Protein backbone atom coordinates (compact mmCIF):
# COMPACT_ATOMS: atom_id res chain seq x y z
CA MET A 1 1.94 -19.49 45.25
CA THR A 2 -1.84 -17.74 46.37
CA LYS A 3 -3.69 -19.94 49.48
CA GLU A 4 -7.14 -20.31 47.69
CA GLY A 5 -10.10 -18.48 49.39
CA LYS A 6 -13.11 -20.06 51.05
CA ILE A 7 -16.74 -19.65 50.07
CA ILE A 8 -18.41 -18.09 53.05
CA ILE A 9 -22.07 -19.30 53.09
CA ILE A 10 -24.81 -16.56 54.54
CA SER A 11 -28.40 -17.52 55.19
CA GLY A 12 -31.45 -16.34 57.65
CA PRO A 13 -34.83 -15.14 57.54
CA SER A 14 -35.80 -11.99 55.09
CA GLY A 15 -35.15 -8.99 57.14
CA VAL A 16 -33.05 -10.91 60.10
CA GLY A 17 -30.15 -8.45 59.11
CA LYS A 18 -27.78 -10.61 57.15
CA LYS A 19 -26.65 -7.34 55.05
CA THR A 20 -26.51 -5.01 57.68
CA ILE A 21 -24.37 -7.47 59.98
CA ILE A 22 -21.98 -8.65 56.82
CA ASP A 23 -21.29 -3.98 56.09
CA GLN A 24 -19.92 -4.50 59.42
CA VAL A 25 -17.33 -7.01 58.34
CA ILE A 26 -16.70 -6.51 54.83
CA ASN A 27 -14.07 -4.21 54.47
CA ASP A 28 -11.87 -6.10 57.57
CA LYS A 29 -8.34 -6.51 55.38
CA ASN A 30 -7.68 -9.22 57.67
CA LEU A 31 -10.80 -11.32 56.48
CA ASN A 32 -10.06 -10.46 52.45
CA LEU A 33 -13.56 -10.90 51.87
CA PHE A 34 -15.67 -9.65 48.27
CA TYR A 35 -19.14 -10.11 48.27
CA SER A 36 -20.94 -12.44 45.48
CA VAL A 37 -23.71 -9.86 44.27
CA SER A 38 -26.53 -11.69 43.67
CA VAL A 39 -28.86 -12.32 40.69
CA THR A 40 -32.93 -11.56 40.89
CA THR A 41 -36.38 -11.45 39.15
CA ARG A 42 -37.64 -9.28 42.04
CA THR A 43 -38.15 -5.23 41.05
CA PRO A 44 -35.73 -2.69 43.12
CA ARG A 45 -36.24 -1.42 46.24
CA ILE A 46 -36.11 2.61 46.43
CA HIS A 47 -32.57 2.17 48.01
CA GLU A 48 -31.47 -0.92 46.15
CA ARG A 49 -28.82 0.17 42.81
CA ASN A 50 -28.58 -2.74 40.30
CA GLY A 51 -25.06 -4.48 40.07
CA ILE A 52 -24.60 -3.54 43.73
CA ASP A 53 -27.06 -4.78 45.76
CA TYR A 54 -28.53 -7.16 43.56
CA PHE A 55 -28.45 -7.90 39.51
CA PHE A 56 -31.72 -7.18 38.79
CA VAL A 57 -33.09 -9.28 35.16
CA THR A 58 -35.99 -10.40 33.48
CA GLU A 59 -37.98 -13.72 33.95
CA THR A 60 -36.40 -14.18 30.28
CA GLU A 61 -33.23 -13.05 30.88
CA PHE A 62 -32.59 -15.54 34.34
CA GLN A 63 -34.09 -18.55 32.49
CA LYS A 64 -31.27 -17.81 29.99
CA MET A 65 -29.11 -17.66 33.08
CA ILE A 66 -30.47 -21.30 34.26
CA ASP A 67 -29.66 -22.65 30.57
CA ASN A 68 -26.53 -21.66 30.49
CA ASN A 69 -25.22 -22.96 33.08
CA GLU A 70 -24.28 -19.60 34.73
CA LEU A 71 -25.41 -20.04 38.34
CA LEU A 72 -23.99 -22.24 41.24
CA GLU A 73 -27.69 -21.93 42.62
CA TRP A 74 -30.86 -20.65 42.25
CA ALA A 75 -34.08 -20.72 43.78
CA GLU A 76 -37.93 -19.51 44.04
CA PHE A 77 -39.06 -17.23 47.39
CA ALA A 78 -41.92 -15.02 46.99
CA THR A 79 -42.90 -15.81 43.46
CA ASN A 80 -38.72 -14.28 42.22
CA LYS A 81 -35.73 -15.88 41.45
CA TYR A 82 -32.58 -15.03 43.16
CA GLY A 83 -29.40 -16.92 41.72
CA THR A 84 -25.81 -16.78 42.70
CA PRO A 85 -23.74 -15.87 39.41
CA LEU A 86 -20.32 -18.50 38.73
CA LYS A 87 -18.86 -15.13 37.12
CA ASN A 88 -15.78 -14.59 39.03
CA LEU A 89 -16.67 -16.66 41.95
CA PHE A 90 -14.01 -19.18 41.20
CA LYS A 91 -11.81 -16.99 40.16
CA MET A 92 -11.72 -14.80 42.94
CA THR A 93 -11.60 -17.98 45.80
CA GLN A 94 -8.65 -19.18 43.29
CA GLU A 95 -6.82 -15.60 44.38
CA GLY A 96 -7.08 -16.18 47.90
CA LYS A 97 -9.64 -14.11 47.88
CA ASN A 98 -12.93 -15.11 50.64
CA VAL A 99 -16.45 -14.69 48.87
CA ILE A 100 -19.55 -13.97 50.66
CA LEU A 101 -22.75 -15.56 49.83
CA GLU A 102 -25.87 -14.45 51.17
CA ILE A 103 -28.37 -16.67 50.23
CA GLU A 104 -31.50 -18.08 50.87
CA VAL A 105 -31.51 -21.50 52.71
CA GLN A 106 -32.97 -23.75 49.40
CA GLY A 107 -29.21 -22.46 47.97
CA ALA A 108 -27.00 -22.75 50.37
CA THR A 109 -28.29 -26.64 50.76
CA ASN A 110 -27.72 -26.71 46.86
CA VAL A 111 -24.70 -25.38 47.34
CA LYS A 112 -23.47 -27.37 50.45
CA LYS A 113 -23.61 -30.70 48.09
CA ILE A 114 -21.89 -28.89 45.19
CA LEU A 115 -18.78 -27.61 47.16
CA ASN A 116 -16.41 -29.85 48.92
CA LYS A 117 -16.62 -28.80 53.24
CA ASN A 118 -13.54 -27.46 53.05
CA LYS A 119 -14.04 -25.18 50.52
CA PHE A 120 -16.76 -23.53 52.65
CA ILE A 121 -18.19 -22.15 55.90
CA SER A 122 -22.18 -21.92 56.51
CA ILE A 123 -23.60 -19.58 59.22
CA PHE A 124 -27.01 -19.26 59.93
CA ILE A 125 -27.96 -15.84 61.53
CA ILE A 126 -31.82 -15.81 63.33
CA PRO A 127 -33.96 -13.07 64.72
CA PRO A 128 -34.64 -12.77 68.91
CA SER A 129 -37.96 -14.07 67.99
CA ILE A 130 -40.16 -14.06 65.13
CA ALA A 131 -42.54 -10.91 66.72
CA GLU A 132 -38.88 -9.50 66.19
CA LEU A 133 -38.83 -10.03 62.92
CA LYS A 134 -42.08 -9.22 61.91
CA ARG A 135 -41.69 -6.02 63.19
CA ARG A 136 -38.19 -5.56 61.16
CA LEU A 137 -39.82 -6.18 57.97
CA LYS A 138 -42.42 -4.06 59.09
CA LEU A 139 -40.46 -0.62 59.77
CA ARG A 140 -38.63 -1.48 56.16
CA ASP A 141 -41.54 -1.10 54.75
CA THR A 142 -41.21 -2.50 51.72
CA GLU A 143 -43.99 -5.58 51.12
CA THR A 144 -47.69 -5.71 51.93
CA ASP A 145 -49.23 -7.82 54.83
CA ASP A 146 -49.39 -10.40 53.30
CA LYS A 147 -45.41 -10.70 51.78
CA ILE A 148 -44.44 -9.94 55.58
CA GLU A 149 -47.00 -13.07 56.36
CA GLN A 150 -45.63 -14.90 53.63
CA ARG A 151 -42.02 -14.88 54.48
CA ILE A 152 -42.86 -15.31 58.10
CA LYS A 153 -44.27 -18.55 57.11
CA ARG A 154 -41.55 -18.84 55.05
CA ALA A 155 -38.88 -17.68 57.78
CA GLU A 156 -40.55 -20.64 60.68
CA LYS A 157 -39.66 -23.03 58.36
CA GLU A 158 -36.30 -21.72 57.66
CA MET A 159 -35.24 -21.58 60.90
CA LEU A 160 -35.66 -25.38 61.48
CA LEU A 161 -33.03 -25.64 59.05
CA LYS A 162 -30.30 -23.44 61.28
CA ASN A 163 -28.84 -26.29 62.83
CA GLU A 164 -27.52 -27.55 59.44
CA TYR A 165 -25.14 -24.82 59.50
CA ASP A 166 -21.50 -24.97 60.43
CA TYR A 167 -22.83 -21.67 63.38
CA VAL A 168 -25.33 -20.01 64.33
CA ILE A 169 -25.49 -16.42 65.21
CA LEU A 170 -28.09 -14.82 67.03
CA ASN A 171 -29.29 -10.70 65.61
CA ASP A 172 -30.21 -9.16 68.54
CA ASP A 173 -27.63 -6.39 68.52
CA ALA A 174 -26.07 -6.00 64.97
CA THR A 175 -22.67 -4.83 66.08
CA LEU A 176 -22.13 -7.69 68.35
CA ALA A 177 -23.43 -10.14 65.66
CA ALA A 178 -20.83 -8.67 63.27
CA GLU A 179 -18.52 -9.29 66.06
CA LYS A 180 -19.36 -12.76 66.35
CA LEU A 181 -19.31 -13.02 62.29
CA ARG A 182 -15.42 -11.60 62.54
CA GLU A 183 -14.67 -14.12 65.44
CA TYR A 184 -15.88 -17.10 63.24
CA LEU A 185 -14.12 -15.98 60.07
CA ILE A 186 -10.96 -15.34 61.64
CA LYS A 187 -11.10 -18.59 62.93
CA ASN A 188 -12.24 -20.62 60.00
CA LEU A 189 -10.55 -18.97 57.37
CA ASN A 190 -7.05 -20.17 58.27
CA LYS A 191 -7.04 -23.48 58.07
C-alpha cells in the first residue's frame, strides 16, 4: 500500500521568490513532489504559459468553479482571483505524491482550517527587507508603481502572520533558501 503524500503549503509576499525556490527542489526524486498549478483571473505576464504557470480563466469561469465546488480554496488579491483546483489534488496525495501549493496567505489560512494538521506542512518565505522586496518587484517590471505599492502594503500585513506557519525561510539567497526548504521537507515528509 502506498503511503499517502502530504500537501506542502508555501506562502510569502509577492516577489519574494517562492517559484524560484520551488523550481530548485521540484525535481528532487527523494521528495516525490508535484506542483499544483493555480487558477487565476489575472492576465498572463509575458513569460507565463497557460496550464504551466497558472490556468488563466475569465471571471465567469472562475465563478463557475466556485459555484461547482471545484476549488480547495480561493482568494482575491490586487483585483484578481486566485484558487487551488481540486481536480487531481487528492488523487496525487493518495498516489503518494507530495503536492506543493504556492498560495496566498488568505488561501493558506483557509486550507489549514479544512485539512487535518497531519496532512500538510506550511512554510512562509520572507524577504531580507521590505526595501529588497520592493526592488525585486520593480526589477520584475510587470506592474505599475501603484500595483507595486499595493503589493508592498499587503506584504507588510502578510509578514505579520509568518509565525502561523510551521517554518519560516529567509530568501536572501535563493540557493540557500531552496536548501533550507529541502531540509524541512526531508524532515517532515517521512513522518
